[in-house]
C-alpha atoms as a PDB file:
ATOM      1  CA  UNK A   1     -27.944 -25.084  -0.153  1.00  0.00           C
ATOM      2  CA  UNK A   2     -30.451 -27.086  -2.135  1.00  0.00           C
ATOM      3  CA  UNK A   3     -29.990 -30.723  -3.026  1.00  0.00           C
ATOM      4  CA  UNK A   4     -29.850 -29.742  -6.693  1.00  0.00           C
ATOM      5  CA  UNK A   5     -26.818 -27.520  -6.041  1.00  0.00           C
ATOM      6  CA  UNK A   6     -25.143 -30.223  -3.967  1.00  0.00           C
ATOM      7  CA  UNK A   7     -25.650 -32.721  -6.764  1.00  0.00           C
ATOM      8  CA  UNK A   8     -24.157 -30.317  -9.312  1.00  0.00           C
ATOM      9  CA  UNK A   9     -21.188 -29.705  -7.000  1.00  0.00           C
ATOM     10  CA  UNK A  10     -20.800 -33.448  -6.477  1.00  0.00           C
ATOM     11  CA  UNK A  11     -20.757 -34.026 -10.231  1.00  0.00           C
ATOM     12  CA  UNK A  12     -18.200 -31.225 -10.688  1.00  0.00           C
ATOM     13  CA  UNK A  13     -16.025 -32.767  -7.971  1.00  0.00           C
ATOM     14  CA  UNK A  14     -16.123 -36.134  -9.738  1.00  0.00           C
ATOM     15  CA  UNK A  15     -15.267 -34.512 -13.056  1.00  0.00           C
ATOM     16  CA  UNK A  16     -12.427 -32.534 -11.444  1.00  0.00           C
ATOM     17  CA  UNK A  17     -10.991 -35.733  -9.962  1.00  0.00           C
ATOM     18  CA  UNK A  18     -10.980 -37.283 -13.430  1.00  0.00           C
ATOM     19  CA  UNK A  19      -8.914 -34.352 -14.725  1.00  0.00           C
ATOM     20  CA  UNK A  20     -11.617 -32.200 -16.294  1.00  0.00           C
ATOM     21  CA  UNK A  21     -10.243 -28.665 -16.032  1.00  0.00           C
ATOM     22  CA  UNK A  22     -13.502 -27.105 -17.191  1.00  0.00           C
ATOM     23  CA  UNK A  23     -15.328 -28.766 -14.297  1.00  0.00           C
ATOM     24  CA  UNK A  24     -12.680 -27.416 -11.925  1.00  0.00           C
ATOM     25  CA  UNK A  25     -13.132 -23.928 -13.392  1.00  0.00           C
ATOM     26  CA  UNK A  26     -16.889 -24.186 -12.910  1.00  0.00           C
ATOM     27  CA  UNK A  27     -16.401 -25.326  -9.324  1.00  0.00           C
ATOM     28  CA  UNK A  28     -14.165 -22.321  -8.675  1.00  0.00           C
ATOM     29  CA  UNK A  29     -16.665 -20.002 -10.339  1.00  0.00           C
ATOM     30  CA  UNK A  30     -19.549 -21.403  -8.236  1.00  0.00           C
ATOM     31  CA  UNK A  31     -17.707 -21.216  -4.908  1.00  0.00           C
ATOM     32  CA  UNK A  32     -15.168 -18.381  -5.073  1.00  0.00           C
ATOM     33  CA  UNK A  33     -17.505 -15.589  -3.873  1.00  0.00           C
ATOM     34  CA  UNK A  34     -18.945 -17.762  -1.089  1.00  0.00           C
ATOM     35  CA  UNK A  35     -15.460 -18.632   0.115  1.00  0.00           C
ATOM     36  CA  UNK A  36     -14.428 -14.954  -0.028  1.00  0.00           C
ATOM     37  CA  UNK A  37     -17.440 -14.030   2.116  1.00  0.00           C
ATOM     38  CA  UNK A  38     -16.442 -16.714   4.623  1.00  0.00           C
ATOM     39  CA  UNK A  39     -12.871 -15.406   4.796  1.00  0.00           C
ATOM     40  CA  UNK A  40     -14.107 -11.805   5.053  1.00  0.00           C
ATOM     41  CA  UNK A  41     -16.249 -12.717   8.029  1.00  0.00           C
ATOM     42  CA  UNK A  42     -13.044 -13.523   9.908  1.00  0.00           C
ATOM     43  CA  UNK A  43     -10.531 -11.083   8.432  1.00  0.00           C
ATOM     44  CA  UNK A  44     -12.811  -8.026   8.040  1.00  0.00           C
ATOM     45  CA  UNK A  45     -10.641  -6.983   5.081  1.00  0.00           C
ATOM     46  CA  UNK A  46     -11.646  -7.506   1.458  1.00  0.00           C
ATOM     47  CA  UNK A  47      -8.119  -7.792   0.045  1.00  0.00           C
ATOM     48  CA  UNK A  48      -7.025 -10.176   2.756  1.00  0.00           C
ATOM     49  CA  UNK A  49     -10.093 -12.347   2.318  1.00  0.00           C
ATOM     50  CA  UNK A  50      -9.359 -12.616  -1.402  1.00  0.00           C
ATOM     51  CA  UNK A  51      -5.740 -13.505  -0.637  1.00  0.00           C
ATOM     52  CA  UNK A  52      -6.838 -16.205   1.814  1.00  0.00           C
ATOM     53  CA  UNK A  53      -9.194 -17.786  -0.707  1.00  0.00           C
ATOM     54  CA  UNK A  54      -6.554 -17.533  -3.437  1.00  0.00           C
ATOM     55  CA  UNK A  55      -4.193 -19.448  -1.150  1.00  0.00           C
ATOM     56  CA  UNK A  56      -6.888 -22.027  -0.384  1.00  0.00           C
ATOM     57  CA  UNK A  57      -7.790 -22.991  -3.950  1.00  0.00           C
ATOM     58  CA  UNK A  58      -4.567 -24.927  -4.639  1.00  0.00           C
ATOM     59  CA  UNK A  59      -5.075 -26.800  -1.356  1.00  0.00           C
ATOM     60  CA  UNK A  60      -8.698 -27.566  -2.200  1.00  0.00           C
ATOM     61  CA  UNK A  61      -7.811 -28.769  -5.691  1.00  0.00           C
ATOM     62  CA  UNK A  62      -4.877 -30.827  -4.443  1.00  0.00           C
ATOM     63  CA  UNK A  63      -6.896 -32.506  -1.695  1.00  0.00           C
ATOM     64  CA  UNK A  64     -10.161 -32.906  -3.586  1.00  0.00           C
ATOM     65  CA  UNK A  65      -9.251 -36.549  -4.134  1.00  0.00           C
ATOM     66  CA  UNK A  66      -9.318 -37.169  -0.396  1.00  0.00           C
ATOM     67  CA  UNK A  67     -12.865 -35.818  -0.041  1.00  0.00           C
ATOM     68  CA  UNK A  68     -14.929 -38.763   1.194  1.00  0.00           C
ATOM     69  CA  UNK A  69     -18.410 -37.418   0.491  1.00  0.00           C
ATOM     70  CA  UNK A  70     -18.698 -35.490  -2.754  1.00  0.00           C
ATOM     71  CA  UNK A  71     -21.982 -33.984  -1.584  1.00  0.00           C
ATOM     72  CA  UNK A  72     -20.161 -32.233   1.266  1.00  0.00           C
ATOM     73  CA  UNK A  73     -17.768 -30.264  -0.966  1.00  0.00           C
ATOM     74  CA  UNK A  74     -19.188 -26.899   0.131  1.00  0.00           C
ATOM     75  CA  UNK A  75     -18.816 -27.436   3.855  1.00  0.00           C
ATOM     76  CA  UNK A  76     -15.416 -29.038   3.320  1.00  0.00           C
ATOM     77  CA  UNK A  77     -14.129 -26.076   1.281  1.00  0.00           C
ATOM     78  CA  UNK A  78     -15.618 -23.591   3.765  1.00  0.00           C
ATOM     79  CA  UNK A  79     -13.832 -25.352   6.616  1.00  0.00           C
ATOM     80  CA  UNK A  80     -10.498 -25.061   4.796  1.00  0.00           C
ATOM     81  CA  UNK A  81     -11.040 -21.322   4.286  1.00  0.00           C
ATOM     82  CA  UNK A  82     -12.129 -20.907   7.897  1.00  0.00           C
ATOM     83  CA  UNK A  83      -9.009 -22.637   9.229  1.00  0.00           C
ATOM     84  CA  UNK A  84      -6.759 -20.613   6.925  1.00  0.00           C
ATOM     85  CA  UNK A  85      -8.450 -17.355   8.027  1.00  0.00           C
ATOM     86  CA  UNK A  86      -8.066 -18.213  11.711  1.00  0.00           C
ATOM     87  CA  UNK A  87      -4.420 -19.161  11.165  1.00  0.00           C
ATOM     88  CA  UNK A  88      -3.826 -15.802   9.497  1.00  0.00           C
ATOM     89  CA  UNK A  89      -5.455 -13.953  12.401  1.00  0.00           C
ATOM     90  CA  UNK A  90      -3.289 -15.832  14.890  1.00  0.00           C
ATOM     91  CA  UNK A  91      -0.172 -15.055  12.855  1.00  0.00           C
ATOM     92  CA  UNK A  92      -1.111 -11.360  12.679  1.00  0.00           C
ATOM     93  CA  UNK A  93      -1.721 -11.244  16.435  1.00  0.00           C
ATOM     94  CA  UNK A  94       1.746 -12.703  17.046  1.00  0.00           C
ATOM     95  CA  UNK A  95       3.259 -10.124  14.670  1.00  0.00           C
ATOM     96  CA  UNK A  96       1.453  -7.294  16.443  1.00  0.00           C
ATOM     97  CA  UNK A  97       2.739  -8.445  19.817  1.00  0.00           C
ATOM     98  CA  UNK A  98       6.269  -8.655  18.417  1.00  0.00           C
ATOM     99  CA  UNK A  99       5.976  -5.159  16.939  1.00  0.00           C
ATOM    100  CA  UNK A 100       4.661  -3.745  20.204  1.00  0.00           C
ATOM    101  CA  UNK A 101       7.600  -5.306  22.035  1.00  0.00           C
ATOM    102  CA  UNK A 102       9.927  -3.872  19.423  1.00  0.00           C
ATOM    103  CA  UNK A 103       8.485  -0.375  19.862  1.00  0.00           C
ATOM    104  CA  UNK A 104       8.718  -0.674  23.640  1.00  0.00           C
ATOM    105  CA  UNK A 105      12.333  -1.889  23.564  1.00  0.00           C
ATOM    106  CA  UNK A 106      13.680   0.326  20.767  1.00  0.00           C
ATOM    107  CA  UNK A 107      12.763   3.920  21.326  1.00  0.00           C
ATOM    108  CA  UNK A 108      14.548   6.447  19.132  1.00  0.00           C
ATOM    109  CA  UNK A 109      17.226   8.532  20.879  1.00  0.00           C
ATOM    110  CA  UNK A 110      17.502  12.155  19.812  1.00  0.00           C
ATOM    111  CA  UNK A 111      20.200  14.742  20.343  1.00  0.00           C
ATOM    112  CA  UNK A 112      19.664  17.456  22.938  1.00  0.00           C
ATOM    113  CA  UNK A 113      19.114  20.160  20.305  1.00  0.00           C
ATOM    114  CA  UNK A 114      15.405  20.608  19.737  1.00  0.00           C
ATOM    115  CA  UNK A 115      14.780  17.607  22.029  1.00  0.00           C
ATOM    116  CA  UNK A 116      11.399  18.866  23.192  1.00  0.00           C
ATOM    117  CA  UNK A 117      10.185  19.516  19.650  1.00  0.00           C
ATOM    118  CA  UNK A 118      11.415  16.124  18.429  1.00  0.00           C
ATOM    119  CA  UNK A 119       9.997  14.348  21.454  1.00  0.00           C
ATOM    120  CA  UNK A 120       6.622  15.971  20.871  1.00  0.00           C
ATOM    121  CA  UNK A 121       6.691  15.094  17.146  1.00  0.00           C
ATOM    122  CA  UNK A 122       7.837  11.538  17.867  1.00  0.00           C
ATOM    123  CA  UNK A 123       5.053  11.106  20.409  1.00  0.00           C
ATOM    124  CA  UNK A 124       2.513  12.532  17.973  1.00  0.00           C
ATOM    125  CA  UNK A 125       3.673  10.163  15.230  1.00  0.00           C
ATOM    126  CA  UNK A 126       3.511   7.169  17.563  1.00  0.00           C
ATOM    127  CA  UNK A 127      -0.029   8.093  18.582  1.00  0.00           C
ATOM    128  CA  UNK A 128      -1.053   8.606  14.962  1.00  0.00           C
ATOM    129  CA  UNK A 129       0.440   5.271  13.913  1.00  0.00           C
ATOM    130  CA  UNK A 130      -1.384   3.507  16.743  1.00  0.00           C
ATOM    131  CA  UNK A 131      -4.666   4.793  15.291  1.00  0.00           C
ATOM    132  CA  UNK A 132      -3.988   2.974  12.014  1.00  0.00           C
ATOM    133  CA  UNK A 133      -5.278  -0.545  11.337  1.00  0.00           C
ATOM    134  CA  UNK A 134      -2.840  -3.274  12.308  1.00  0.00           C
ATOM    135  CA  UNK A 135      -2.044  -4.141   8.670  1.00  0.00           C
ATOM    136  CA  UNK A 136      -0.972  -0.584   8.035  1.00  0.00           C
ATOM    137  CA  UNK A 137       1.154  -0.483  11.190  1.00  0.00           C
ATOM    138  CA  UNK A 138       2.888  -3.729  10.243  1.00  0.00           C
ATOM    139  CA  UNK A 139       3.700  -2.582   6.702  1.00  0.00           C
ATOM    140  CA  UNK A 140       4.905   0.850   7.881  1.00  0.00           C
ATOM    141  CA  UNK A 141       7.156  -0.734  10.481  1.00  0.00           C
ATOM    142  CA  UNK A 142       8.704  -3.242   8.110  1.00  0.00           C
ATOM    143  CA  UNK A 143       9.209  -0.776   5.264  1.00  0.00           C
ATOM    144  CA  UNK A 144      10.270   2.390   7.105  1.00  0.00           C
ATOM    145  CA  UNK A 145      11.667   1.339  10.467  1.00  0.00           C
ATOM    146  CA  UNK A 146      13.161  -2.023   9.506  1.00  0.00           C
ATOM    147  CA  UNK A 147      14.038  -0.716   6.020  1.00  0.00           C
ATOM    148  CA  UNK A 148      12.888  -3.901   4.310  1.00  0.00           C
ATOM    149  CA  UNK A 149      12.126  -3.718   0.577  1.00  0.00           C
ATOM    150  CA  UNK A 150       8.594  -4.055  -0.759  1.00  0.00           C
ATOM    151  CA  UNK A 151       9.507  -7.397  -2.310  1.00  0.00           C
ATOM    152  CA  UNK A 152      10.811  -8.722   1.013  1.00  0.00           C
ATOM    153  CA  UNK A 153       7.782  -7.369   2.926  1.00  0.00           C
ATOM    154  CA  UNK A 154       5.625  -9.152   0.373  1.00  0.00           C
ATOM    155  CA  UNK A 155       7.398 -12.426   1.098  1.00  0.00           C
ATOM    156  CA  UNK A 156       7.313 -11.929   4.868  1.00  0.00           C
ATOM    157  CA  UNK A 157       3.578 -11.211   4.950  1.00  0.00           C
ATOM    158  CA  UNK A 158       2.831 -13.668   2.148  1.00  0.00           C
ATOM    159  CA  UNK A 159       0.829 -11.156   0.103  1.00  0.00           C
ATOM    160  CA  UNK A 160       1.415  -9.741  -3.403  1.00  0.00           C
ATOM    161  CA  UNK A 161       3.746  -6.763  -3.867  1.00  0.00           C
ATOM    162  CA  UNK A 162       0.858  -4.713  -5.233  1.00  0.00           C
ATOM    163  CA  UNK A 163      -1.021  -5.244  -1.987  1.00  0.00           C
ATOM    164  CA  UNK A 164       2.019  -4.045   0.003  1.00  0.00           C
ATOM    165  CA  UNK A 165       2.280  -0.916  -2.173  1.00  0.00           C
ATOM    166  CA  UNK A 166      -1.424  -0.271  -1.739  1.00  0.00           C
ATOM    167  CA  UNK A 167      -1.213  -0.722   2.040  1.00  0.00           C
ATOM    168  CA  UNK A 168       1.768   1.654   2.228  1.00  0.00           C
ATOM    169  CA  UNK A 169      -0.048   4.278   0.171  1.00  0.00           C
ATOM    170  CA  UNK A 170      -3.224   3.954   2.239  1.00  0.00           C
ATOM    171  CA  UNK A 171      -1.269   4.078   5.500  1.00  0.00           C
ATOM    172  CA  UNK A 172       0.526   7.268   4.443  1.00  0.00           C
ATOM    173  CA  UNK A 173      -2.759   8.863   3.387  1.00  0.00           C
ATOM    174  CA  UNK A 174      -4.405   7.954   6.700  1.00  0.00           C
ATOM    175  CA  UNK A 175      -1.398   9.333   8.593  1.00  0.00           C
ATOM    176  CA  UNK A 176      -1.680  12.584   6.637  1.00  0.00           C
ATOM    177  CA  UNK A 177      -5.346  12.820   7.545  1.00  0.00           C
ATOM    178  CA  UNK A 178      -4.660  12.163  11.220  1.00  0.00           C
ATOM    179  CA  UNK A 179      -1.826  14.698  11.312  1.00  0.00           C
ATOM    180  CA  UNK A 180      -3.889  17.306   9.473  1.00  0.00           C
ATOM    181  CA  UNK A 181      -6.532  16.951  12.144  1.00  0.00           C
ATOM    182  CA  UNK A 182      -3.828  17.705  14.700  1.00  0.00           C
ATOM    183  CA  UNK A 183      -2.489  20.619  12.567  1.00  0.00           C
ATOM    184  CA  UNK A 184       0.953  19.056  12.222  1.00  0.00           C
ATOM    185  CA  UNK A 185       0.956  19.090   8.454  1.00  0.00           C
ATOM    186  CA  UNK A 186       0.826  22.234   6.365  1.00  0.00           C
END
């Protein structure tokens, strides 16, 4: 970043500290895409990276008064987004491990009628679900297996309800595609 840009950012930080909302809006406008790119580098998901940055802006604005060097706003904000992204990845990894343990410990029991057909279908579904991205697996598990409402899933995963609906839709579509490839859907 050029010195000119750092000076502009420094001035915007000073103006934001003094309560100038327009300066804060300009600071957000100048840095939002850069912060989203930083979050995306870690999360590898566009929606998640936007959510991370959206969660970071209130923190950045709240703590902007504690910034010691106004010229270092960019690196300071990037470090906040980086830490938040890494925290999210760690949280997701813990959730995945918990879900894997849940699947291992809670297999579905079926009656003896059509046991072979059900066992084959259950196995096929498990394999298809494992091919989905972890976000999709988590949402499917919470919504269908745990029977948690979209609103509650939204609160658990700390993402908007619309994102949960979108993830459910995309997960179902991907499952359909996988099952069509295996000729299990007509």
